[in-house]
């Protein structure tokens, strides 16, 4: 699997307060661009991959600044389309001590939410692509956006493009009446590569995963319970040949333990536990996992253990970087391994 990776989703403008202030405190917001699929694209471009990002944005200076932000990291935005009136936003309150982080979305009537099938020339976009990556969020906003996502999946299949999917279940986004579980399962039935955290896999499979309760990096994984659990996932989604599950134990706002397991063509692999201290920003950690896997599938084909170790190290490093984007370099990730 070599060549261009295309990611598709909604570019968002993130507003947050500095110094762990609550959203109700202070009088200044800091703005950064992000969004799951854009985060994956920036991570891949930072690692030197050929990556293109596709979305719909309003023809406004703020939205154009978003495409310029992606371009400065090396992301191709030539097939971004323009229309509608506003860019989607979200408000992020950073965690502190025992207080968890909070996210408040403001995406109604955004340009992306009004995307419809036929607006994007997917045959042109995907004609030279090796991988098409989307997530559960692409179908969560509106029915039209979901239909556009399935249109892209149809054409990716027609052209023989590998399909990558992040489960990305966000309960608060599914407001237009669709059955979230049913829609996500329809998407996962079409994918070749899958990522999710434990909670998302539990939601899809409607059953509990084995408990991950590491408090430091001395924790030893027992792979046997996961082997049985993942056999059930494989039976439900037989097309998917590779999936990665991230696992996090949040001890405090700035101390997490992090690991992952990888199922690849019937084999389950485990890796070390990272003891992540001094967390700066945990937003985008899952996207760093996904980008690490897509990058190493091209950089280290056939080396499943390297793919797993690299993805985990990339995700661990994202916790040290402010904003949505993981800007860790290949050298830094290899050193973390």
C-alpha atoms as a PDB file:
ATOM      1  CA  UNK A   1       0.000   0.000   0.000  1.00  0.00           C
ATOM      2  CA  UNK A   2       1.882   3.069  -1.260  1.00  0.00           C
ATOM      3  CA  UNK A   3       0.778   6.424  -2.581  1.00  0.00           C
ATOM      4  CA  UNK A   4      -1.549   9.261  -1.732  1.00  0.00           C
ATOM      5  CA  UNK A   5      -3.733   9.173   1.364  1.00  0.00           C
ATOM      6  CA  UNK A   6      -7.001  11.129   1.173  1.00  0.00           C
ATOM      7  CA  UNK A   7      -8.757  12.183   4.382  1.00  0.00           C
ATOM      8  CA  UNK A   8     -12.301  13.571   4.464  1.00  0.00           C
ATOM      9  CA  UNK A   9     -14.194  15.400   7.200  1.00  0.00           C
ATOM     10  CA  UNK A  10     -15.141  18.757   8.688  1.00  0.00           C
ATOM     11  CA  UNK A  11     -12.467  21.358   9.411  1.00  0.00           C
ATOM     12  CA  UNK A  12     -13.263  23.048  12.715  1.00  0.00           C
ATOM     13  CA  UNK A  13     -12.173  26.199  14.482  1.00  0.00           C
ATOM     14  CA  UNK A  14     -11.409  25.400  18.109  1.00  0.00           C
ATOM     15  CA  UNK A  15     -11.798  28.039  20.820  1.00  0.00           C
ATOM     16  CA  UNK A  16     -10.244  27.517  24.252  1.00  0.00           C
ATOM     17  CA  UNK A  17      -9.103  29.473  27.299  1.00  0.00           C
ATOM     18  CA  UNK A  18      -5.519  29.586  28.514  1.00  0.00           C
ATOM     19  CA  UNK A  19      -4.137  28.577  31.910  1.00  0.00           C
ATOM     20  CA  UNK A  20      -6.842  25.962  32.580  1.00  0.00           C
ATOM     21  CA  UNK A  21      -9.569  28.613  32.834  1.00  0.00           C
ATOM     22  CA  UNK A  22     -13.149  27.424  32.593  1.00  0.00           C
ATOM     23  CA  UNK A  23     -15.180  28.539  29.580  1.00  0.00           C
ATOM     24  CA  UNK A  24     -17.117  30.826  31.919  1.00  0.00           C
ATOM     25  CA  UNK A  25     -13.939  32.577  33.108  1.00  0.00           C
ATOM     26  CA  UNK A  26     -11.848  35.292  31.521  1.00  0.00           C
ATOM     27  CA  UNK A  27     -12.509  37.373  28.440  1.00  0.00           C
ATOM     28  CA  UNK A  28     -10.175  35.934  25.775  1.00  0.00           C
ATOM     29  CA  UNK A  29     -10.384  32.846  23.611  1.00  0.00           C
ATOM     30  CA  UNK A  30      -7.506  31.288  21.691  1.00  0.00           C
ATOM     31  CA  UNK A  31      -8.377  29.908  18.249  1.00  0.00           C
ATOM     32  CA  UNK A  32      -6.791  26.882  16.577  1.00  0.00           C
ATOM     33  CA  UNK A  33      -7.873  24.801  13.587  1.00  0.00           C
ATOM     34  CA  UNK A  34      -8.568  21.103  13.956  1.00  0.00           C
ATOM     35  CA  UNK A  35     -11.020  18.287  13.409  1.00  0.00           C
ATOM     36  CA  UNK A  36     -10.321  14.572  13.430  1.00  0.00           C
ATOM     37  CA  UNK A  37      -9.622  13.942   9.759  1.00  0.00           C
ATOM     38  CA  UNK A  38      -7.665  17.186   9.353  1.00  0.00           C
ATOM     39  CA  UNK A  39      -5.569  16.150  12.370  1.00  0.00           C
ATOM     40  CA  UNK A  40      -4.746  12.856  10.664  1.00  0.00           C
ATOM     41  CA  UNK A  41      -3.787  14.696   7.475  1.00  0.00           C
ATOM     42  CA  UNK A  42      -1.406  17.093   9.272  1.00  0.00           C
ATOM     43  CA  UNK A  43       0.232  14.231  11.183  1.00  0.00           C
ATOM     44  CA  UNK A  44       0.812  12.304   7.963  1.00  0.00           C
ATOM     45  CA  UNK A  45       2.199  15.353   6.155  1.00  0.00           C
ATOM     46  CA  UNK A  46       4.545  16.029   9.100  1.00  0.00           C
ATOM     47  CA  UNK A  47       5.852  12.488   8.693  1.00  0.00           C
ATOM     48  CA  UNK A  48       6.483  13.067   4.985  1.00  0.00           C
ATOM     49  CA  UNK A  49       3.489  11.286   3.483  1.00  0.00           C
ATOM     50  CA  UNK A  50       1.596  12.413   0.389  1.00  0.00           C
ATOM     51  CA  UNK A  51      -1.760  13.424   1.862  1.00  0.00           C
ATOM     52  CA  UNK A  52      -4.796  15.346   0.673  1.00  0.00           C
ATOM     53  CA  UNK A  53      -7.660  16.702   2.773  1.00  0.00           C
ATOM     54  CA  UNK A  54     -11.169  17.159   1.399  1.00  0.00           C
ATOM     55  CA  UNK A  55     -13.986  19.149   2.985  1.00  0.00           C
ATOM     56  CA  UNK A  56     -16.555  21.893   2.305  1.00  0.00           C
ATOM     57  CA  UNK A  57     -15.963  25.350   3.746  1.00  0.00           C
ATOM     58  CA  UNK A  58     -17.576  28.781   3.424  1.00  0.00           C
ATOM     59  CA  UNK A  59     -15.881  31.262   1.132  1.00  0.00           C
ATOM     60  CA  UNK A  60     -14.740  33.458   4.021  1.00  0.00           C
ATOM     61  CA  UNK A  61     -11.346  34.735   5.231  1.00  0.00           C
ATOM     62  CA  UNK A  62     -11.540  32.600   8.393  1.00  0.00           C
ATOM     63  CA  UNK A  63     -12.199  29.415   6.396  1.00  0.00           C
ATOM     64  CA  UNK A  64      -9.497  30.237   3.841  1.00  0.00           C
ATOM     65  CA  UNK A  65      -7.079  30.790   6.722  1.00  0.00           C
ATOM     66  CA  UNK A  66      -7.914  27.200   7.740  1.00  0.00           C
ATOM     67  CA  UNK A  67      -6.857  25.809   4.360  1.00  0.00           C
ATOM     68  CA  UNK A  68      -3.714  27.961   4.511  1.00  0.00           C
ATOM     69  CA  UNK A  69      -2.969  26.494   7.940  1.00  0.00           C
ATOM     70  CA  UNK A  70      -3.185  22.953   6.533  1.00  0.00           C
ATOM     71  CA  UNK A  71      -1.122  23.877   3.470  1.00  0.00           C
ATOM     72  CA  UNK A  72       1.731  25.241   5.568  1.00  0.00           C
ATOM     73  CA  UNK A  73       2.162  21.738   7.018  1.00  0.00           C
ATOM     74  CA  UNK A  74       2.233  20.202   3.526  1.00  0.00           C
ATOM     75  CA  UNK A  75      -1.379  19.018   3.232  1.00  0.00           C
ATOM     76  CA  UNK A  76      -2.848  19.183  -0.292  1.00  0.00           C
ATOM     77  CA  UNK A  77      -6.179  21.077  -0.217  1.00  0.00           C
ATOM     78  CA  UNK A  78      -6.798  21.442  -3.962  1.00  0.00           C
ATOM     79  CA  UNK A  79     -10.171  19.636  -3.837  1.00  0.00           C
ATOM     80  CA  UNK A  80     -11.648  21.565  -0.924  1.00  0.00           C
ATOM     81  CA  UNK A  81     -14.957  23.012  -2.136  1.00  0.00           C
ATOM     82  CA  UNK A  82     -16.491  26.298  -1.028  1.00  0.00           C
ATOM     83  CA  UNK A  83     -20.081  27.206  -0.240  1.00  0.00           C
ATOM     84  CA  UNK A  84     -22.401  27.842   2.669  1.00  0.00           C
ATOM     85  CA  UNK A  85     -22.148  30.513   5.317  1.00  0.00           C
ATOM     86  CA  UNK A  86     -20.087  29.397   8.305  1.00  0.00           C
ATOM     87  CA  UNK A  87     -17.279  27.163   9.536  1.00  0.00           C
ATOM     88  CA  UNK A  88     -18.052  24.679  12.307  1.00  0.00           C
ATOM     89  CA  UNK A  89     -16.589  25.451  15.714  1.00  0.00           C
ATOM     90  CA  UNK A  90     -16.115  23.852  19.079  1.00  0.00           C
ATOM     91  CA  UNK A  91     -15.219  25.129  22.535  1.00  0.00           C
ATOM     92  CA  UNK A  92     -12.713  23.210  24.620  1.00  0.00           C
ATOM     93  CA  UNK A  93     -12.243  23.453  28.371  1.00  0.00           C
ATOM     94  CA  UNK A  94      -8.970  21.849  29.412  1.00  0.00           C
ATOM     95  CA  UNK A  95      -8.909  19.374  32.275  1.00  0.00           C
ATOM     96  CA  UNK A  96      -7.136  20.145  35.541  1.00  0.00           C
ATOM     97  CA  UNK A  97      -6.520  17.867  38.518  1.00  0.00           C
ATOM     98  CA  UNK A  98      -9.736  15.956  39.183  1.00  0.00           C
ATOM     99  CA  UNK A  99     -11.742  18.099  36.714  1.00  0.00           C
ATOM    100  CA  UNK A 100     -12.295  16.476  33.331  1.00  0.00           C
ATOM    101  CA  UNK A 101     -12.092  18.342  30.036  1.00  0.00           C
ATOM    102  CA  UNK A 102     -15.294  19.497  28.344  1.00  0.00           C
ATOM    103  CA  UNK A 103     -16.229  20.021  24.695  1.00  0.00           C
ATOM    104  CA  UNK A 104     -19.145  22.096  23.423  1.00  0.00           C
ATOM    105  CA  UNK A 105     -19.910  21.887  19.685  1.00  0.00           C
ATOM    106  CA  UNK A 106     -21.348  24.648  17.494  1.00  0.00           C
ATOM    107  CA  UNK A 107     -21.671  22.962  14.098  1.00  0.00           C
ATOM    108  CA  UNK A 108     -25.324  23.448  13.140  1.00  0.00           C
ATOM    109  CA  UNK A 109     -25.775  24.895   9.620  1.00  0.00           C
ATOM    110  CA  UNK A 110     -22.041  24.830   8.924  1.00  0.00           C
ATOM    111  CA  UNK A 111     -20.857  24.578   5.336  1.00  0.00           C
ATOM    112  CA  UNK A 112     -19.917  20.939   5.866  1.00  0.00           C
ATOM    113  CA  UNK A 113     -23.290  20.069   7.420  1.00  0.00           C
ATOM    114  CA  UNK A 114     -24.948  21.210   4.188  1.00  0.00           C
ATOM    115  CA  UNK A 115     -22.707  19.046   2.003  1.00  0.00           C
ATOM    116  CA  UNK A 116     -24.676  16.869  -0.414  1.00  0.00           C
ATOM    117  CA  UNK A 117     -23.838  13.918  -2.689  1.00  0.00           C
ATOM    118  CA  UNK A 118     -22.563  15.067  -6.059  1.00  0.00           C
ATOM    119  CA  UNK A 119     -20.825  18.186  -4.765  1.00  0.00           C
ATOM    120  CA  UNK A 120     -17.391  16.530  -4.603  1.00  0.00           C
ATOM    121  CA  UNK A 121     -15.925  14.873  -7.695  1.00  0.00           C
ATOM    122  CA  UNK A 122     -14.791  11.742  -5.880  1.00  0.00           C
ATOM    123  CA  UNK A 123     -13.544   9.998  -9.013  1.00  0.00           C
ATOM    124  CA  UNK A 124     -11.163  12.878  -9.627  1.00  0.00           C
ATOM    125  CA  UNK A 125     -10.113  13.034  -5.966  1.00  0.00           C
ATOM    126  CA  UNK A 126      -9.529   9.289  -5.599  1.00  0.00           C
ATOM    127  CA  UNK A 127      -8.201   8.410  -9.048  1.00  0.00           C
ATOM    128  CA  UNK A 128      -4.592   8.275  -7.818  1.00  0.00           C
ATOM    129  CA  UNK A 129      -5.244   7.494  -4.143  1.00  0.00           C
ATOM    130  CA  UNK A 130      -4.000   4.466  -2.231  1.00  0.00           C
ATOM    131  CA  UNK A 131      -6.056   5.091   0.923  1.00  0.00           C
ATOM    132  CA  UNK A 132      -9.319   6.888   1.695  1.00  0.00           C
ATOM    133  CA  UNK A 133      -9.780   7.791   5.358  1.00  0.00           C
ATOM    134  CA  UNK A 134     -13.003   8.964   7.025  1.00  0.00           C
ATOM    135  CA  UNK A 135     -14.579   8.561  10.445  1.00  0.00           C
ATOM    136  CA  UNK A 136     -17.871   8.202  12.240  1.00  0.00           C
ATOM    137  CA  UNK A 137     -18.012  11.977  12.589  1.00  0.00           C
ATOM    138  CA  UNK A 138     -18.332  12.418   8.810  1.00  0.00           C
ATOM    139  CA  UNK A 139     -21.739  10.723   8.978  1.00  0.00           C
ATOM    140  CA  UNK A 140     -22.854  12.113  12.345  1.00  0.00           C
ATOM    141  CA  UNK A 141     -23.681  15.710  11.424  1.00  0.00           C
ATOM    142  CA  UNK A 142     -26.542  15.490   8.891  1.00  0.00           C
ATOM    143  CA  UNK A 143     -28.172  12.919   6.625  1.00  0.00           C
ATOM    144  CA  UNK A 144     -26.786  14.672   3.540  1.00  0.00           C
ATOM    145  CA  UNK A 145     -23.244  14.549   4.924  1.00  0.00           C
ATOM    146  CA  UNK A 146     -23.749  10.845   5.699  1.00  0.00           C
ATOM    147  CA  UNK A 147     -24.989  10.242   2.147  1.00  0.00           C
ATOM    148  CA  UNK A 148     -21.930  12.057   0.777  1.00  0.00           C
ATOM    149  CA  UNK A 149     -19.708   9.828   2.914  1.00  0.00           C
ATOM    150  CA  UNK A 150     -21.289   6.652   1.558  1.00  0.00           C
ATOM    151  CA  UNK A 151     -20.978   8.078  -1.958  1.00  0.00           C
ATOM    152  CA  UNK A 152     -17.227   8.411  -1.368  1.00  0.00           C
ATOM    153  CA  UNK A 153     -17.051   4.855   0.006  1.00  0.00           C
ATOM    154  CA  UNK A 154     -18.845   3.520  -3.091  1.00  0.00           C
ATOM    155  CA  UNK A 155     -16.372   5.201  -5.436  1.00  0.00           C
ATOM    156  CA  UNK A 156     -13.374   4.157  -3.313  1.00  0.00           C
ATOM    157  CA  UNK A 157     -14.532   0.547  -3.651  1.00  0.00           C
ATOM    158  CA  UNK A 158     -15.087   0.991  -7.371  1.00  0.00           C
ATOM    159  CA  UNK A 159     -11.527   2.281  -7.794  1.00  0.00           C
ATOM    160  CA  UNK A 160      -9.957  -0.335  -5.513  1.00  0.00           C
ATOM    161  CA  UNK A 161      -8.823   2.180  -2.871  1.00  0.00           C
ATOM    162  CA  UNK A 162      -8.043   0.899   0.638  1.00  0.00           C
ATOM    163  CA  UNK A 163     -10.632   2.269   3.090  1.00  0.00           C
ATOM    164  CA  UNK A 164      -9.552   3.420   6.546  1.00  0.00           C
ATOM    165  CA  UNK A 165     -12.030   4.279   9.292  1.00  0.00           C
ATOM    166  CA  UNK A 166     -11.888   5.777  12.776  1.00  0.00           C
ATOM    167  CA  UNK A 167     -15.023   4.775  14.719  1.00  0.00           C
ATOM    168  CA  UNK A 168     -15.099   8.245  16.345  1.00  0.00           C
ATOM    169  CA  UNK A 169     -18.468   7.828  18.041  1.00  0.00           C
ATOM    170  CA  UNK A 170     -19.577  11.189  19.453  1.00  0.00           C
ATOM    171  CA  UNK A 171     -22.983  10.781  21.069  1.00  0.00           C
ATOM    172  CA  UNK A 172     -23.753  14.511  21.171  1.00  0.00           C
ATOM    173  CA  UNK A 173     -23.380  14.918  17.391  1.00  0.00           C
ATOM    174  CA  UNK A 174     -26.060  12.441  16.289  1.00  0.00           C
ATOM    175  CA  UNK A 175     -29.069  14.765  16.341  1.00  0.00           C
ATOM    176  CA  UNK A 176     -30.732  14.347  12.925  1.00  0.00           C
ATOM    177  CA  UNK A 177     -32.595  11.111  13.633  1.00  0.00           C
ATOM    178  CA  UNK A 178     -30.302   8.436  12.192  1.00  0.00           C
ATOM    179  CA  UNK A 179     -29.508   5.286  14.171  1.00  0.00           C
ATOM    180  CA  UNK A 180     -25.863   5.949  15.088  1.00  0.00           C
ATOM    181  CA  UNK A 181     -25.009   2.318  15.805  1.00  0.00           C
ATOM    182  CA  UNK A 182     -26.546   1.062  12.585  1.00  0.00           C
ATOM    183  CA  UNK A 183     -24.895   3.777  10.483  1.00  0.00           C
ATOM    184  CA  UNK A 184     -21.462   3.232  12.019  1.00  0.00           C
ATOM    185  CA  UNK A 185     -21.712  -0.517  11.487  1.00  0.00           C
ATOM    186  CA  UNK A 186     -22.605   0.063   7.823  1.00  0.00           C
ATOM    187  CA  UNK A 187     -19.461   2.160   7.487  1.00  0.00           C
ATOM    188  CA  UNK A 188     -17.275  -0.373   9.298  1.00  0.00           C
ATOM    189  CA  UNK A 189     -18.535  -3.160   7.045  1.00  0.00           C
ATOM    190  CA  UNK A 190     -16.901  -1.227   4.195  1.00  0.00           C
ATOM    191  CA  UNK A 191     -13.477  -0.664   5.762  1.00  0.00           C
ATOM    192  CA  UNK A 192     -10.121  -2.440   5.484  1.00  0.00           C
ATOM    193  CA  UNK A 193      -8.366  -0.656   8.381  1.00  0.00           C
ATOM    194  CA  UNK A 194     -10.070   0.421  11.613  1.00  0.00           C
ATOM    195  CA  UNK A 195      -9.200   2.392  14.745  1.00  0.00           C
ATOM    196  CA  UNK A 196     -11.092   3.119  17.945  1.00  0.00           C
ATOM    197  CA  UNK A 197     -10.653   3.426  21.665  1.00  0.00           C
ATOM    198  CA  UNK A 198     -12.074   0.883  24.114  1.00  0.00           C
ATOM    199  CA  UNK A 199     -15.332   2.777  24.634  1.00  0.00           C
ATOM    200  CA  UNK A 200     -15.968   2.998  20.900  1.00  0.00           C
ATOM    201  CA  UNK A 201     -15.296  -0.699  20.330  1.00  0.00           C
ATOM    202  CA  UNK A 202     -17.598  -1.511  23.237  1.00  0.00           C
ATOM    203  CA  UNK A 203     -20.329   0.627  21.679  1.00  0.00           C
ATOM    204  CA  UNK A 204     -19.984  -1.078  18.306  1.00  0.00           C
ATOM    205  CA  UNK A 205     -19.899  -4.606  19.755  1.00  0.00           C
ATOM    206  CA  UNK A 206     -22.430  -3.873  22.537  1.00  0.00           C
ATOM    207  CA  UNK A 207     -20.311  -5.712  25.086  1.00  0.00           C
ATOM    208  CA  UNK A 208     -17.530  -4.897  27.548  1.00  0.00           C
ATOM    209  CA  UNK A 209     -13.850  -5.153  26.677  1.00  0.00           C
ATOM    210  CA  UNK A 210     -11.246  -6.557  29.101  1.00  0.00           C
ATOM    211  CA  UNK A 211     -10.270  -4.004  31.745  1.00  0.00           C
ATOM    212  CA  UNK A 212      -7.118  -1.901  31.336  1.00  0.00           C
ATOM    213  CA  UNK A 213      -6.123  -0.528  34.741  1.00  0.00           C
ATOM    214  CA  UNK A 214      -2.379   0.153  34.490  1.00  0.00           C
ATOM    215  CA  UNK A 215      -1.074   2.760  36.926  1.00  0.00           C
ATOM    216  CA  UNK A 216       2.482   2.841  35.517  1.00  0.00           C
ATOM    217  CA  UNK A 217       4.624   1.319  32.771  1.00  0.00           C
ATOM    218  CA  UNK A 218       5.323  -1.918  34.689  1.00  0.00           C
ATOM    219  CA  UNK A 219       1.837  -3.219  33.838  1.00  0.00           C
ATOM    220  CA  UNK A 220       1.899  -6.546  31.943  1.00  0.00           C
ATOM    221  CA  UNK A 221      -0.801  -7.158  29.348  1.00  0.00           C
ATOM    222  CA  UNK A 222      -2.543 -10.545  29.207  1.00  0.00           C
ATOM    223  CA  UNK A 223      -3.471 -10.899  25.517  1.00  0.00           C
ATOM    224  CA  UNK A 224      -5.787 -13.917  25.919  1.00  0.00           C
ATOM    225  CA  UNK A 225      -9.007 -12.041  26.822  1.00  0.00           C
ATOM    226  CA  UNK A 226      -8.454  -9.697  23.874  1.00  0.00           C
ATOM    227  CA  UNK A 227      -7.937 -12.570  21.442  1.00  0.00           C
ATOM    228  CA  UNK A 228     -11.373 -13.956  22.244  1.00  0.00           C
ATOM    229  CA  UNK A 229     -13.004 -10.518  22.152  1.00  0.00           C
ATOM    230  CA  UNK A 230     -11.387  -9.606  18.830  1.00  0.00           C
ATOM    231  CA  UNK A 231     -12.480 -12.858  17.226  1.00  0.00           C
ATOM    232  CA  UNK A 232     -16.020 -11.602  17.747  1.00  0.00           C
ATOM    233  CA  UNK A 233     -15.150  -8.303  16.073  1.00  0.00           C
ATOM    234  CA  UNK A 234     -13.621 -10.132  13.122  1.00  0.00           C
ATOM    235  CA  UNK A 235     -16.737 -12.264  12.749  1.00  0.00           C
ATOM    236  CA  UNK A 236     -18.872  -9.096  12.685  1.00  0.00           C
ATOM    237  CA  UNK A 237     -16.630  -7.195  10.236  1.00  0.00           C
ATOM    238  CA  UNK A 238     -14.873  -9.840   8.125  1.00  0.00           C
ATOM    239  CA  UNK A 239     -13.641  -7.422   5.449  1.00  0.00           C
ATOM    240  CA  UNK A 240     -11.494  -5.469   7.921  1.00  0.00           C
ATOM    241  CA  UNK A 241      -8.044  -7.048   7.993  1.00  0.00           C
ATOM    242  CA  UNK A 242      -6.357  -4.717  10.462  1.00  0.00           C
ATOM    243  CA  UNK A 243      -7.623  -2.796  13.458  1.00  0.00           C
ATOM    244  CA  UNK A 244      -5.988  -0.884  16.253  1.00  0.00           C
ATOM    245  CA  UNK A 245      -7.546  -0.278  19.680  1.00  0.00           C
ATOM    246  CA  UNK A 246      -6.131   2.418  21.951  1.00  0.00           C
ATOM    247  CA  UNK A 247      -6.438   2.040  25.726  1.00  0.00           C
ATOM    248  CA  UNK A 248      -6.036   4.817  28.274  1.00  0.00           C
ATOM    249  CA  UNK A 249      -6.216   4.864  32.073  1.00  0.00           C
ATOM    250  CA  UNK A 250      -6.708   8.434  33.269  1.00  0.00           C
ATOM    251  CA  UNK A 251      -5.096   8.671  36.693  1.00  0.00           C
ATOM    252  CA  UNK A 252      -5.326  12.469  36.748  1.00  0.00           C
ATOM    253  CA  UNK A 253      -5.609  15.278  34.216  1.00  0.00           C
ATOM    254  CA  UNK A 254      -1.847  15.294  33.626  1.00  0.00           C
ATOM    255  CA  UNK A 255      -1.050  11.627  34.273  1.00  0.00           C
ATOM    256  CA  UNK A 256      -2.334   8.860  31.993  1.00  0.00           C
ATOM    257  CA  UNK A 257      -1.157   5.395  31.106  1.00  0.00           C
ATOM    258  CA  UNK A 258      -1.525   4.531  27.438  1.00  0.00           C
ATOM    259  CA  UNK A 259      -1.188   1.381  25.365  1.00  0.00           C
ATOM    260  CA  UNK A 260      -2.781  -0.328  22.376  1.00  0.00           C
ATOM    261  CA  UNK A 261      -3.411  -3.703  20.783  1.00  0.00           C
ATOM    262  CA  UNK A 262      -3.326  -4.470  17.067  1.00  0.00           C
ATOM    263  CA  UNK A 263      -5.232  -7.215  15.266  1.00  0.00           C
ATOM    264  CA  UNK A 264      -3.695  -7.910  11.862  1.00  0.00           C
ATOM    265  CA  UNK A 265      -4.811 -10.724   9.562  1.00  0.00           C
ATOM    266  CA  UNK A 266      -5.832 -12.944  12.473  1.00  0.00           C
ATOM    267  CA  UNK A 267      -2.877 -12.213  14.748  1.00  0.00           C
ATOM    268  CA  UNK A 268      -3.086 -10.138  17.935  1.00  0.00           C
ATOM    269  CA  UNK A 269      -0.095  -8.038  18.956  1.00  0.00           C
ATOM    270  CA  UNK A 270       0.535  -6.134  22.193  1.00  0.00           C
ATOM    271  CA  UNK A 271       3.100  -3.489  23.071  1.00  0.00           C
ATOM    272  CA  UNK A 272       4.507  -1.599  26.039  1.00  0.00           C
ATOM    273  CA  UNK A 273       2.627   0.794  28.322  1.00  0.00           C
ATOM    274  CA  UNK A 274       3.603   4.459  28.147  1.00  0.00           C
ATOM    275  CA  UNK A 275       3.467   6.311  31.470  1.00  0.00           C
ATOM    276  CA  UNK A 276       2.408   9.742  30.184  1.00  0.00           C
ATOM    277  CA  UNK A 277       3.202  12.520  32.678  1.00  0.00           C
ATOM    278  CA  UNK A 278       2.865  16.283  32.341  1.00  0.00           C
ATOM    279  CA  UNK A 279       0.090  16.198  29.760  1.00  0.00           C
ATOM    280  CA  UNK A 280      -0.213  19.482  27.883  1.00  0.00           C
ATOM    281  CA  UNK A 281      -3.149  18.747  25.533  1.00  0.00           C
ATOM    282  CA  UNK A 282      -4.835  15.376  25.010  1.00  0.00           C
ATOM    283  CA  UNK A 283      -7.048  16.501  22.127  1.00  0.00           C
ATOM    284  CA  UNK A 284      -6.196  14.582  18.937  1.00  0.00           C
ATOM    285  CA  UNK A 285      -4.501  11.586  20.590  1.00  0.00           C
ATOM    286  CA  UNK A 286      -6.757   9.139  18.728  1.00  0.00           C
ATOM    287  CA  UNK A 287      -5.974  10.892  15.444  1.00  0.00           C
ATOM    288  CA  UNK A 288      -2.258  10.504  16.194  1.00  0.00           C
ATOM    289  CA  UNK A 289      -2.856   6.756  16.640  1.00  0.00           C
ATOM    290  CA  UNK A 290      -4.630   6.596  13.281  1.00  0.00           C
ATOM    291  CA  UNK A 291      -1.977   8.591  11.448  1.00  0.00           C
ATOM    292  CA  UNK A 292       0.771   6.449  12.956  1.00  0.00           C
ATOM    293  CA  UNK A 293      -0.883   3.299  11.655  1.00  0.00           C
ATOM    294  CA  UNK A 294      -1.474   4.682   8.145  1.00  0.00           C
ATOM    295  CA  UNK A 295       2.078   6.000   7.953  1.00  0.00           C
ATOM    296  CA  UNK A 296       3.708   2.754   9.013  1.00  0.00           C
ATOM    297  CA  UNK A 297       1.565   0.624   6.726  1.00  0.00           C
ATOM    298  CA  UNK A 298       3.479   2.370   3.945  1.00  0.00           C
ATOM    299  CA  UNK A 299       6.828   2.920   5.690  1.00  0.00           C
ATOM    300  CA  UNK A 300       7.042  -0.555   7.303  1.00  0.00           C
ATOM    301  CA  UNK A 301       4.803  -2.857   5.239  1.00  0.00           C
ATOM    302  CA  UNK A 302       4.420  -6.302   6.767  1.00  0.00           C
ATOM    303  CA  UNK A 303       5.996  -5.261  10.085  1.00  0.00           C
ATOM    304  CA  UNK A 304       2.927  -5.330  12.328  1.00  0.00           C
ATOM    305  CA  UNK A 305       4.872  -4.920  15.574  1.00  0.00           C
ATOM    306  CA  UNK A 306       6.545  -1.774  14.278  1.00  0.00           C
ATOM    307  CA  UNK A 307       3.187  -0.439  13.143  1.00  0.00           C
ATOM    308  CA  UNK A 308       1.789  -0.932  16.641  1.00  0.00           C
ATOM    309  CA  UNK A 309       4.824   0.424  18.530  1.00  0.00           C
ATOM    310  CA  UNK A 310       5.037   3.477  16.264  1.00  0.00           C
ATOM    311  CA  UNK A 311       1.328   4.304  16.505  1.00  0.00           C
ATOM    312  CA  UNK A 312       1.421   4.138  20.297  1.00  0.00           C
ATOM    313  CA  UNK A 313       4.551   6.301  20.547  1.00  0.00           C
ATOM    314  CA  UNK A 314       2.997   8.902  18.214  1.00  0.00           C
ATOM    315  CA  UNK A 315      -0.135   9.019  20.370  1.00  0.00           C
ATOM    316  CA  UNK A 316       1.871   9.319  23.586  1.00  0.00           C
ATOM    317  CA  UNK A 317       3.845  12.246  22.170  1.00  0.00           C
ATOM    318  CA  UNK A 318       0.689  14.068  21.067  1.00  0.00           C
ATOM    319  CA  UNK A 319      -0.118  14.623  24.750  1.00  0.00           C
ATOM    320  CA  UNK A 320       2.892  16.976  24.908  1.00  0.00           C
ATOM    321  CA  UNK A 321       1.825  19.230  22.008  1.00  0.00           C
ATOM    322  CA  UNK A 322      -0.757  22.046  22.310  1.00  0.00           C
ATOM    323  CA  UNK A 323      -3.600  22.116  19.810  1.00  0.00           C
ATOM    324  CA  UNK A 324      -5.277  19.392  17.763  1.00  0.00           C
ATOM    325  CA  UNK A 325      -2.339  18.587  15.481  1.00  0.00           C
ATOM    326  CA  UNK A 326       0.359  16.054  16.307  1.00  0.00           C
ATOM    327  CA  UNK A 327       3.583  17.690  15.114  1.00  0.00           C
ATOM    328  CA  UNK A 328       5.926  14.993  16.405  1.00  0.00           C
ATOM    329  CA  UNK A 329       8.615  14.138  13.868  1.00  0.00           C
ATOM    330  CA  UNK A 330       9.596  10.672  12.719  1.00  0.00           C
ATOM    331  CA  UNK A 331      12.884  10.925  14.657  1.00  0.00           C
ATOM    332  CA  UNK A 332      11.048  11.861  17.859  1.00  0.00           C
ATOM    333  CA  UNK A 333       8.594   8.970  17.487  1.00  0.00           C
ATOM    334  CA  UNK A 334      11.378   6.480  16.832  1.00  0.00           C
ATOM    335  CA  UNK A 335      13.218   7.764  19.910  1.00  0.00           C
ATOM    336  CA  UNK A 336      10.066   7.350  22.010  1.00  0.00           C
ATOM    337  CA  UNK A 337       9.793   3.734  20.852  1.00  0.00           C
END
